[in-house]
C-alpha atoms as a PDB file:
ATOM      1  CA  UNK A   1       0.725 -20.365 -19.536  1.00  0.00           C
ATOM      2  CA  UNK A   2       2.992 -17.243 -18.702  1.00  0.00           C
ATOM      3  CA  UNK A   3       1.055 -15.821 -16.052  1.00  0.00           C
ATOM      4  CA  UNK A   4       0.894 -17.997 -13.460  1.00  0.00           C
ATOM      5  CA  UNK A   5      -0.039 -15.826 -10.504  1.00  0.00           C
ATOM      6  CA  UNK A   6      -2.757 -13.411 -10.757  1.00  0.00           C
ATOM      7  CA  UNK A   7      -2.895 -10.553  -8.171  1.00  0.00           C
ATOM      8  CA  UNK A   8      -6.161  -8.181  -7.811  1.00  0.00           C
ATOM      9  CA  UNK A   9      -6.686  -5.392  -5.938  1.00  0.00           C
ATOM     10  CA  UNK A  10     -10.247  -5.315  -4.926  1.00  0.00           C
ATOM     11  CA  UNK A  11     -12.038  -1.734  -4.401  1.00  0.00           C
ATOM     12  CA  UNK A  12     -12.282  -0.246  -7.411  1.00  0.00           C
ATOM     13  CA  UNK A  13     -11.093  -3.090  -9.175  1.00  0.00           C
ATOM     14  CA  UNK A  14     -12.120  -6.578  -8.604  1.00  0.00           C
ATOM     15  CA  UNK A  15     -15.625  -5.489  -7.344  1.00  0.00           C
ATOM     16  CA  UNK A  16     -17.754  -2.658  -9.107  1.00  0.00           C
ATOM     17  CA  UNK A  17     -18.846   0.621  -7.220  1.00  0.00           C
ATOM     18  CA  UNK A  18     -21.687  -2.033  -5.302  1.00  0.00           C
ATOM     19  CA  UNK A  19     -18.802  -3.890  -3.861  1.00  0.00           C
ATOM     20  CA  UNK A  20     -19.947  -7.231  -6.259  1.00  0.00           C
ATOM     21  CA  UNK A  21     -17.858  -9.476  -8.269  1.00  0.00           C
ATOM     22  CA  UNK A  22     -20.098  -8.995 -12.006  1.00  0.00           C
ATOM     23  CA  UNK A  23     -20.616 -12.542 -13.293  1.00  0.00           C
ATOM     24  CA  UNK A  24     -18.314 -12.266 -15.988  1.00  0.00           C
ATOM     25  CA  UNK A  25     -15.741 -11.744 -14.160  1.00  0.00           C
ATOM     26  CA  UNK A  26     -16.117 -14.233 -11.485  1.00  0.00           C
ATOM     27  CA  UNK A  27     -16.405 -17.003 -14.473  1.00  0.00           C
ATOM     28  CA  UNK A  28     -13.398 -15.840 -15.965  1.00  0.00           C
ATOM     29  CA  UNK A  29     -11.220 -15.833 -12.637  1.00  0.00           C
ATOM     30  CA  UNK A  30     -12.652 -19.215 -11.853  1.00  0.00           C
ATOM     31  CA  UNK A  31     -11.960 -20.791 -15.397  1.00  0.00           C
ATOM     32  CA  UNK A  32      -8.485 -19.566 -14.664  1.00  0.00           C
ATOM     33  CA  UNK A  33      -8.156 -20.904 -11.070  1.00  0.00           C
ATOM     34  CA  UNK A  34      -9.211 -24.352 -13.091  1.00  0.00           C
ATOM     35  CA  UNK A  35      -6.182 -24.171 -14.994  1.00  0.00           C
ATOM     36  CA  UNK A  36      -3.932 -23.430 -12.112  1.00  0.00           C
ATOM     37  CA  UNK A  37      -3.287 -19.626 -11.945  1.00  0.00           C
ATOM     38  CA  UNK A  38      -2.602 -18.978  -8.185  1.00  0.00           C
ATOM     39  CA  UNK A  39      -5.125 -16.061  -7.508  1.00  0.00           C
ATOM     40  CA  UNK A  40      -4.189 -13.460  -5.054  1.00  0.00           C
ATOM     41  CA  UNK A  41      -6.542 -10.955  -3.913  1.00  0.00           C
ATOM     42  CA  UNK A  42      -3.947  -8.248  -2.624  1.00  0.00           C
ATOM     43  CA  UNK A  43      -5.567  -5.204  -1.032  1.00  0.00           C
ATOM     44  CA  UNK A  44      -5.295  -2.767   1.917  1.00  0.00           C
ATOM     45  CA  UNK A  45      -8.645  -4.375   3.873  1.00  0.00           C
ATOM     46  CA  UNK A  46      -7.649  -6.431   6.773  1.00  0.00           C
ATOM     47  CA  UNK A  47      -7.300 -10.373   6.133  1.00  0.00           C
ATOM     48  CA  UNK A  48     -11.242 -10.734   7.612  1.00  0.00           C
ATOM     49  CA  UNK A  49     -12.476  -8.302   5.488  1.00  0.00           C
ATOM     50  CA  UNK A  50     -11.170  -9.836   2.211  1.00  0.00           C
ATOM     51  CA  UNK A  51     -12.219 -13.735   3.221  1.00  0.00           C
ATOM     52  CA  UNK A  52     -15.730 -13.575   2.120  1.00  0.00           C
ATOM     53  CA  UNK A  53     -14.814 -12.899  -1.432  1.00  0.00           C
ATOM     54  CA  UNK A  54     -12.167 -15.390  -1.344  1.00  0.00           C
ATOM     55  CA  UNK A  55     -14.851 -17.794  -0.013  1.00  0.00           C
ATOM     56  CA  UNK A  56     -17.273 -16.857  -2.989  1.00  0.00           C
ATOM     57  CA  UNK A  57     -14.203 -17.714  -5.768  1.00  0.00           C
ATOM     58  CA  UNK A  58     -13.937 -20.669  -4.073  1.00  0.00           C
ATOM     59  CA  UNK A  59     -10.212 -20.043  -3.523  1.00  0.00           C
ATOM     60  CA  UNK A  60     -10.112 -22.543  -0.895  1.00  0.00           C
ATOM     61  CA  UNK A  61     -10.800 -25.110  -3.399  1.00  0.00           C
ATOM     62  CA  UNK A  62      -8.238 -23.720  -6.127  1.00  0.00           C
ATOM     63  CA  UNK A  63      -4.946 -22.749  -3.670  1.00  0.00           C
ATOM     64  CA  UNK A  64      -5.111 -18.821  -3.954  1.00  0.00           C
ATOM     65  CA  UNK A  65      -4.052 -16.414  -1.632  1.00  0.00           C
ATOM     66  CA  UNK A  66      -5.529 -13.421   0.537  1.00  0.00           C
ATOM     67  CA  UNK A  67      -2.799 -10.532   0.282  1.00  0.00           C
ATOM     68  CA  UNK A  68      -4.116  -8.238   3.656  1.00  0.00           C
ATOM     69  CA  UNK A  69      -2.883  -5.269   5.306  1.00  0.00           C
ATOM     70  CA  UNK A  70      -1.351  -3.536   1.522  1.00  0.00           C
ATOM     71  CA  UNK A  71       1.226  -6.883   1.988  1.00  0.00           C
ATOM     72  CA  UNK A  72       1.273  -7.140   6.033  1.00  0.00           C
ATOM     73  CA  UNK A  73       0.159 -10.255   5.597  1.00  0.00           C
ATOM     74  CA  UNK A  74      -0.232 -13.351   3.051  1.00  0.00           C
ATOM     75  CA  UNK A  75      -2.427 -16.309   3.742  1.00  0.00           C
ATOM     76  CA  UNK A  76      -2.784 -19.477   1.892  1.00  0.00           C
ATOM     77  CA  UNK A  77      -6.455 -20.172   1.186  1.00  0.00           C
ATOM     78  CA  UNK A  78      -6.516 -23.437   1.101  1.00  0.00           C
ATOM     79  CA  UNK A  79      -4.170 -24.413   4.274  1.00  0.00           C
ATOM     80  CA  UNK A  80      -5.024 -21.461   6.157  1.00  0.00           C
ATOM     81  CA  UNK A  81      -1.067 -21.241   6.709  1.00  0.00           C
ATOM     82  CA  UNK A  82       0.419 -17.806   7.239  1.00  0.00           C
ATOM     83  CA  UNK A  83       3.119 -17.239   3.825  1.00  0.00           C
ATOM     84  CA  UNK A  84       4.236 -13.836   5.059  1.00  0.00           C
ATOM     85  CA  UNK A  85       3.941 -11.695   7.857  1.00  0.00           C
ATOM     86  CA  UNK A  86       5.148  -7.844   9.073  1.00  0.00           C
ATOM     87  CA  UNK A  87       4.564  -6.602  12.038  1.00  0.00           C
ATOM     88  CA  UNK A  88       4.485  -2.950  12.604  1.00  0.00           C
ATOM     89  CA  UNK A  89       7.259  -1.419  14.955  1.00  0.00           C
ATOM     90  CA  UNK A  90       5.856  -1.288  18.565  1.00  0.00           C
ATOM     91  CA  UNK A  91       7.755   1.455  19.082  1.00  0.00           C
ATOM     92  CA  UNK A  92       6.119   3.647  16.237  1.00  0.00           C
ATOM     93  CA  UNK A  93       2.853   3.099  17.298  1.00  0.00           C
ATOM     94  CA  UNK A  94       2.610   6.028  19.800  1.00  0.00           C
ATOM     95  CA  UNK A  95       4.332   8.692  17.389  1.00  0.00           C
ATOM     96  CA  UNK A  96       1.352   7.524  14.578  1.00  0.00           C
ATOM     97  CA  UNK A  97      -1.155   7.885  16.844  1.00  0.00           C
ATOM     98  CA  UNK A  98       0.187  11.603  18.384  1.00  0.00           C
ATOM     99  CA  UNK A  99       0.549  12.577  14.734  1.00  0.00           C
ATOM    100  CA  UNK A 100      -3.141  11.701  13.626  1.00  0.00           C
ATOM    101  CA  UNK A 101      -4.212  13.772  16.625  1.00  0.00           C
ATOM    102  CA  UNK A 102      -1.902  16.423  15.855  1.00  0.00           C
ATOM    103  CA  UNK A 103      -3.531  16.460  12.187  1.00  0.00           C
ATOM    104  CA  UNK A 104      -7.142  15.810  12.749  1.00  0.00           C
ATOM    105  CA  UNK A 105      -7.132  12.405  11.341  1.00  0.00           C
ATOM    106  CA  UNK A 106      -8.169   9.115  13.055  1.00  0.00           C
ATOM    107  CA  UNK A 107      -6.240   6.463  13.123  1.00  0.00           C
ATOM    108  CA  UNK A 108      -7.546   2.422  13.511  1.00  0.00           C
ATOM    109  CA  UNK A 109      -6.290  -0.907  13.041  1.00  0.00           C
ATOM    110  CA  UNK A 110      -7.897  -4.490  13.501  1.00  0.00           C
ATOM    111  CA  UNK A 111      -8.244  -7.123  15.798  1.00  0.00           C
ATOM    112  CA  UNK A 112      -9.690 -10.768  14.668  1.00  0.00           C
ATOM    113  CA  UNK A 113     -12.674  -9.869  14.541  1.00  0.00           C
ATOM    114  CA  UNK A 114     -12.735  -6.028  13.020  1.00  0.00           C
ATOM    115  CA  UNK A 115     -11.967  -2.392  13.297  1.00  0.00           C
ATOM    116  CA  UNK A 116     -10.035  -0.732  16.684  1.00  0.00           C
ATOM    117  CA  UNK A 117     -10.533   2.757  17.197  1.00  0.00           C
ATOM    118  CA  UNK A 118     -10.718   5.466  19.508  1.00  0.00           C
ATOM    119  CA  UNK A 119     -13.579   7.205  17.417  1.00  0.00           C
ATOM    120  CA  UNK A 120     -15.913   4.846  16.074  1.00  0.00           C
ATOM    121  CA  UNK A 121     -18.468   7.338  14.851  1.00  0.00           C
ATOM    122  CA  UNK A 122     -15.987   9.180  12.342  1.00  0.00           C
ATOM    123  CA  UNK A 123     -17.401   9.214   8.840  1.00  0.00           C
ATOM    124  CA  UNK A 124     -14.122   7.558   7.074  1.00  0.00           C
ATOM    125  CA  UNK A 125     -14.073   4.834   9.968  1.00  0.00           C
ATOM    126  CA  UNK A 126     -17.444   4.036   9.141  1.00  0.00           C
ATOM    127  CA  UNK A 127     -16.676   3.680   5.741  1.00  0.00           C
ATOM    128  CA  UNK A 128     -14.119   1.220   6.291  1.00  0.00           C
ATOM    129  CA  UNK A 129     -16.172  -0.551   8.684  1.00  0.00           C
ATOM    130  CA  UNK A 130     -18.584  -0.678   5.404  1.00  0.00           C
ATOM    131  CA  UNK A 131     -16.294  -1.658   2.655  1.00  0.00           C
ATOM    132  CA  UNK A 132     -15.056  -4.596   4.776  1.00  0.00           C
ATOM    133  CA  UNK A 133     -18.623  -5.542   6.298  1.00  0.00           C
ATOM    134  CA  UNK A 134     -16.851  -5.866   9.443  1.00  0.00           C
ATOM    135  CA  UNK A 135     -17.725  -4.215  13.315  1.00  0.00           C
ATOM    136  CA  UNK A 136     -16.021  -1.216  14.938  1.00  0.00           C
ATOM    137  CA  UNK A 137     -15.174  -1.194  18.297  1.00  0.00           C
ATOM    138  CA  UNK A 138     -14.047   1.588  20.467  1.00  0.00           C
ATOM    139  CA  UNK A 139     -11.521   1.659  22.589  1.00  0.00           C
ATOM    140  CA  UNK A 140     -10.290   4.675  25.358  1.00  0.00           C
ATOM    141  CA  UNK A 141      -6.799   4.981  24.574  1.00  0.00           C
ATOM    142  CA  UNK A 142      -5.655   3.022  21.040  1.00  0.00           C
ATOM    143  CA  UNK A 143      -1.849   2.472  22.333  1.00  0.00           C
ATOM    144  CA  UNK A 144      -2.785   1.670  25.618  1.00  0.00           C
ATOM    145  CA  UNK A 145      -5.089  -0.971  24.670  1.00  0.00           C
ATOM    146  CA  UNK A 146      -3.499  -2.448  21.542  1.00  0.00           C
ATOM    147  CA  UNK A 147      -0.902  -4.736  23.877  1.00  0.00           C
ATOM    148  CA  UNK A 148      -3.895  -5.552  26.319  1.00  0.00           C
ATOM    149  CA  UNK A 149      -6.637  -6.439  23.584  1.00  0.00           C
ATOM    150  CA  UNK A 150      -4.068  -7.587  20.416  1.00  0.00           C
ATOM    151  CA  UNK A 151      -1.746  -9.838  21.403  1.00  0.00           C
ATOM    152  CA  UNK A 152      -0.083 -10.298  18.083  1.00  0.00           C
ATOM    153  CA  UNK A 153       1.649  -8.477  15.656  1.00  0.00           C
ATOM    154  CA  UNK A 154      -0.642  -6.036  14.299  1.00  0.00           C
ATOM    155  CA  UNK A 155       0.212  -5.530  10.501  1.00  0.00           C
ATOM    156  CA  UNK A 156      -0.484  -1.852   9.399  1.00  0.00           C
ATOM    157  CA  UNK A 157      -2.315   1.221  11.100  1.00  0.00           C
ATOM    158  CA  UNK A 158      -4.768   3.010   8.832  1.00  0.00           C
ATOM    159  CA  UNK A 159      -5.078   6.710   8.946  1.00  0.00           C
ATOM    160  CA  UNK A 160      -8.528   8.504   8.005  1.00  0.00           C
ATOM    161  CA  UNK A 161      -9.866  11.670   6.924  1.00  0.00           C
ATOM    162  CA  UNK A 162     -11.102  14.175   4.656  1.00  0.00           C
ATOM    163  CA  UNK A 163      -9.993  13.956   1.348  1.00  0.00           C
ATOM    164  CA  UNK A 164      -9.296  17.019   0.969  1.00  0.00           C
ATOM    165  CA  UNK A 165      -6.757  16.953   3.485  1.00  0.00           C
ATOM    166  CA  UNK A 166      -5.152  14.481   2.999  1.00  0.00           C
ATOM    167  CA  UNK A 167      -2.575  14.546   0.426  1.00  0.00           C
ATOM    168  CA  UNK A 168      -0.645  17.365   2.774  1.00  0.00           C
ATOM    169  CA  UNK A 169      -1.246  15.014   5.534  1.00  0.00           C
ATOM    170  CA  UNK A 170       0.379  12.263   3.682  1.00  0.00           C
ATOM    171  CA  UNK A 171       3.387  14.488   2.544  1.00  0.00           C
ATOM    172  CA  UNK A 172       4.005  15.404   6.040  1.00  0.00           C
ATOM    173  CA  UNK A 173       3.721  12.156   7.265  1.00  0.00           C
ATOM    174  CA  UNK A 174       6.040  11.058   4.378  1.00  0.00           C
ATOM    175  CA  UNK A 175       8.882  13.599   5.892  1.00  0.00           C
ATOM    176  CA  UNK A 176       7.649  12.670   9.771  1.00  0.00           C
ATOM    177  CA  UNK A 177       8.741   8.991   9.021  1.00  0.00           C
ATOM    178  CA  UNK A 178      10.809   8.740   6.493  1.00  0.00           C
ATOM    179  CA  UNK A 179      13.568   5.553   6.904  1.00  0.00           C
ATOM    180  CA  UNK A 180      11.140   4.258   9.405  1.00  0.00           C
ATOM    181  CA  UNK A 181       7.320   3.277   7.780  1.00  0.00           C
ATOM    182  CA  UNK A 182       5.617   2.473   4.255  1.00  0.00           C
ATOM    183  CA  UNK A 183       3.339   5.536   3.454  1.00  0.00           C
ATOM    184  CA  UNK A 184       0.845   5.583   0.590  1.00  0.00           C
ATOM    185  CA  UNK A 185      -2.869   6.669  -0.067  1.00  0.00           C
ATOM    186  CA  UNK A 186      -4.621   3.821  -1.028  1.00  0.00           C
ATOM    187  CA  UNK A 187      -8.275   5.720  -1.560  1.00  0.00           C
ATOM    188  CA  UNK A 188      -8.458   9.628  -1.183  1.00  0.00           C
ATOM    189  CA  UNK A 189      -9.524   9.430   2.418  1.00  0.00           C
ATOM    190  CA  UNK A 190      -7.131   6.096   3.601  1.00  0.00           C
ATOM    191  CA  UNK A 191      -2.931   6.578   4.381  1.00  0.00           C
ATOM    192  CA  UNK A 192      -1.887   3.201   5.190  1.00  0.00           C
ATOM    193  CA  UNK A 193       1.500   3.100   7.199  1.00  0.00           C
ATOM    194  CA  UNK A 194       3.164  -0.267   7.195  1.00  0.00           C
ATOM    195  CA  UNK A 195       6.579  -1.458   8.773  1.00  0.00           C
ATOM    196  CA  UNK A 196       9.340   0.004   6.195  1.00  0.00           C
ATOM    197  CA  UNK A 197       9.646  -1.606   3.084  1.00  0.00           C
ATOM    198  CA  UNK A 198       6.147  -3.205   2.980  1.00  0.00           C
ATOM    199  CA  UNK A 199       3.953  -3.239  -0.263  1.00  0.00           C
ATOM    200  CA  UNK A 200       2.042  -5.275  -2.441  1.00  0.00           C
ATOM    201  CA  UNK A 201       4.840  -5.860  -4.680  1.00  0.00           C
ATOM    202  CA  UNK A 202       7.513  -6.730  -1.876  1.00  0.00           C
ATOM    203  CA  UNK A 203       5.224  -8.926  -0.456  1.00  0.00           C
ATOM    204  CA  UNK A 204       3.930 -10.701  -4.059  1.00  0.00           C
ATOM    205  CA  UNK A 205       7.999 -10.976  -4.944  1.00  0.00           C
ATOM    206  CA  UNK A 206       8.425 -13.256  -1.699  1.00  0.00           C
ATOM    207  CA  UNK A 207       5.083 -15.428  -2.743  1.00  0.00           C
ATOM    208  CA  UNK A 208       6.700 -15.856  -6.616  1.00  0.00           C
ATOM    209  CA  UNK A 209      10.388 -16.865  -5.277  1.00  0.00           C
ATOM    210  CA  UNK A 210       8.388 -19.519  -2.833  1.00  0.00           C
ATOM    211  CA  UNK A 211       6.716 -20.600  -6.024  1.00  0.00           C
ATOM    212  CA  UNK A 212       9.669 -20.742  -8.174  1.00  0.00           C
ATOM    213  CA  UNK A 213       8.225 -17.829 -10.374  1.00  0.00           C
ATOM    214  CA  UNK A 214       9.434 -14.648 -11.418  1.00  0.00           C
ATOM    215  CA  UNK A 215       7.877 -11.262 -11.789  1.00  0.00           C
ATOM    216  CA  UNK A 216       7.725 -12.164 -15.603  1.00  0.00           C
ATOM    217  CA  UNK A 217       4.850 -14.937 -14.110  1.00  0.00           C
ATOM    218  CA  UNK A 218       2.803 -12.279 -12.324  1.00  0.00           C
ATOM    219  CA  UNK A 219      -0.294 -10.665 -13.936  1.00  0.00           C
ATOM    220  CA  UNK A 220      -1.710  -7.560 -11.598  1.00  0.00           C
ATOM    221  CA  UNK A 221      -4.837  -5.505 -11.750  1.00  0.00           C
ATOM    222  CA  UNK A 222      -5.338  -2.365  -9.963  1.00  0.00           C
ATOM    223  CA  UNK A 223      -6.802   1.335  -9.589  1.00  0.00           C
ATOM    224  CA  UNK A 224      -5.272   3.341  -7.238  1.00  0.00           C
ATOM    225  CA  UNK A 225      -2.116   4.781  -5.471  1.00  0.00           C
ATOM    226  CA  UNK A 226      -1.201   1.748  -3.552  1.00  0.00           C
ATOM    227  CA  UNK A 227      -1.642  -0.474  -6.518  1.00  0.00           C
ATOM    228  CA  UNK A 228       1.408   1.386  -8.141  1.00  0.00           C
ATOM    229  CA  UNK A 229       4.004  -0.846  -6.799  1.00  0.00           C
ATOM    230  CA  UNK A 230       2.616  -4.255  -7.747  1.00  0.00           C
ATOM    231  CA  UNK A 231       1.808  -2.528 -11.498  1.00  0.00           C
ATOM    232  CA  UNK A 232       4.754  -1.741 -11.879  1.00  0.00           C
ATOM    233  CA  UNK A 233       6.412  -5.423 -10.485  1.00  0.00           C
ATOM    234  CA  UNK A 234       3.997  -7.402 -12.805  1.00  0.00           C
ATOM    235  CA  UNK A 235       4.741  -8.912 -15.931  1.00  0.00           C
ATOM    236  CA  UNK A 236       1.700  -7.741 -16.829  1.00  0.00           C
ATOM    237  CA  UNK A 237       0.348  -4.647 -15.439  1.00  0.00           C
ATOM    238  CA  UNK A 238      -3.011  -3.967 -15.813  1.00  0.00           C
ATOM    239  CA  UNK A 239      -4.718  -0.626 -15.343  1.00  0.00           C
ATOM    240  CA  UNK A 240      -8.350  -0.172 -14.670  1.00  0.00           C
ATOM    241  CA  UNK A 241     -10.489   2.105 -16.785  1.00  0.00           C
ATOM    242  CA  UNK A 242     -11.346   3.987 -13.676  1.00  0.00           C
ATOM    243  CA  UNK A 243      -7.394   4.123 -12.450  1.00  0.00           C
ATOM    244  CA  UNK A 244      -5.728   6.739 -10.795  1.00  0.00           C
ATOM    245  CA  UNK A 245      -3.521   8.748 -13.849  1.00  0.00           C
ATOM    246  CA  UNK A 246      -0.645   7.206 -12.695  1.00  0.00           C
ATOM    247  CA  UNK A 247      -1.205   4.025 -12.270  1.00  0.00           C
ATOM    248  CA  UNK A 248      -2.744   4.087 -16.037  1.00  0.00           C
ATOM    249  CA  UNK A 249       0.918   5.291 -16.818  1.00  0.00           C
ATOM    250  CA  UNK A 250       2.928   2.810 -15.425  1.00  0.00           C
ATOM    251  CA  UNK A 251       0.739  -0.338 -16.824  1.00  0.00           C
ATOM    252  CA  UNK A 252       1.220  -2.269 -19.336  1.00  0.00           C
ATOM    253  CA  UNK A 253      -2.377  -2.317 -20.505  1.00  0.00           C
ATOM    254  CA  UNK A 254      -5.801  -0.346 -19.485  1.00  0.00           C
ATOM    255  CA  UNK A 255      -8.689  -2.234 -19.252  1.00  0.00           C
ATOM    256  CA  UNK A 256     -12.309  -1.068 -18.888  1.00  0.00           C
ATOM    257  CA  UNK A 257     -13.244  -0.063 -15.991  1.00  0.00           C
ATOM    258  CA  UNK A 258     -14.661  -1.992 -12.748  1.00  0.00           C
ATOM    259  CA  UNK A 259     -18.255  -1.239 -13.617  1.00  0.00           C
ATOM    260  CA  UNK A 260     -17.988  -3.426 -16.874  1.00  0.00           C
ATOM    261  CA  UNK A 261     -16.199  -6.629 -16.539  1.00  0.00           C
ATOM    262  CA  UNK A 262     -12.577  -4.760 -16.669  1.00  0.00           C
ATOM    263  CA  UNK A 263     -10.875  -7.343 -14.880  1.00  0.00           C
ATOM    264  CA  UNK A 264     -12.776 -10.190 -16.449  1.00  0.00           C
ATOM    265  CA  UNK A 265     -11.970  -9.278 -19.959  1.00  0.00           C
ATOM    266  CA  UNK A 266      -7.906  -8.592 -19.243  1.00  0.00           C
ATOM    267  CA  UNK A 267      -8.065 -12.227 -17.637  1.00  0.00           C
ATOM    268  CA  UNK A 268      -9.711 -13.406 -20.921  1.00  0.00           C
ATOM    269  CA  UNK A 269      -7.362 -11.559 -23.248  1.00  0.00           C
ATOM    270  CA  UNK A 270      -3.969 -12.546 -21.450  1.00  0.00           C
ATOM    271  CA  UNK A 271      -4.851 -15.788 -19.586  1.00  0.00           C
ATOM    272  CA  UNK A 272      -7.879 -17.758 -21.246  1.00  0.00           C
ATOM    273  CA  UNK A 273      -6.379 -16.262 -24.674  1.00  0.00           C
ATOM    274  CA  UNK A 274     -10.564 -15.668 -25.797  1.00  0.00           C
ATOM    275  CA  UNK A 275     -10.998 -12.610 -27.921  1.00  0.00           C
ATOM    276  CA  UNK A 276     -12.525  -9.786 -25.884  1.00  0.00           C
END
């Protein structure tokens, strides 16, 4: 079996528009796991927002992984061990928060329970809470509150704002923090900011090496801008039917959209080798 690691984006990929894993896709994934494929749920979501889906797929039983914070952290679902950890540079938290305020976008990060932000009622903060099914906690000053309330390395800061403004904000941020941070959009209203060099691809490379594997052994499915690096890395990069045009252009294979079992069909074709 060539593909021994299967990396899956969540929103717009593994889950449908109702944020649910459809029965056919779930059955295909569990059969792949039974055959020894390591399933990696690879998302910009925080770990706490991915854990329910990992439990639904029984990854603690089969030995799958959670790749959270867009590559900032990977944990082994069976053992709970942290396999990869990248800490956000402490000296860049203040500049990112200042940049956010100037350009009228709302930054947030996470504690062990949910979201931490200065503007808990901002519409796209609430969207992040809805997607992850986690609570939002208000702090008066994100920079001042982080050392006191989040006494472990944070893995990313997420900037949220109007989709109309975000392409320009991202461009400005790429200029402002060039050579300092990794920056990409994961949704029209989200800009992910991570430690320099961190992405789904770089963390997956670490995981593959630890398993004695290469990118040729990786199949990756995604739809968004932040999935591009892992799609390009994988021996089999699969774009969803609903994927952004650059993701489709970079992929080896185009599957159905996330409302029509795109992931399940691709797994059947390339891992279970069933006709679809």
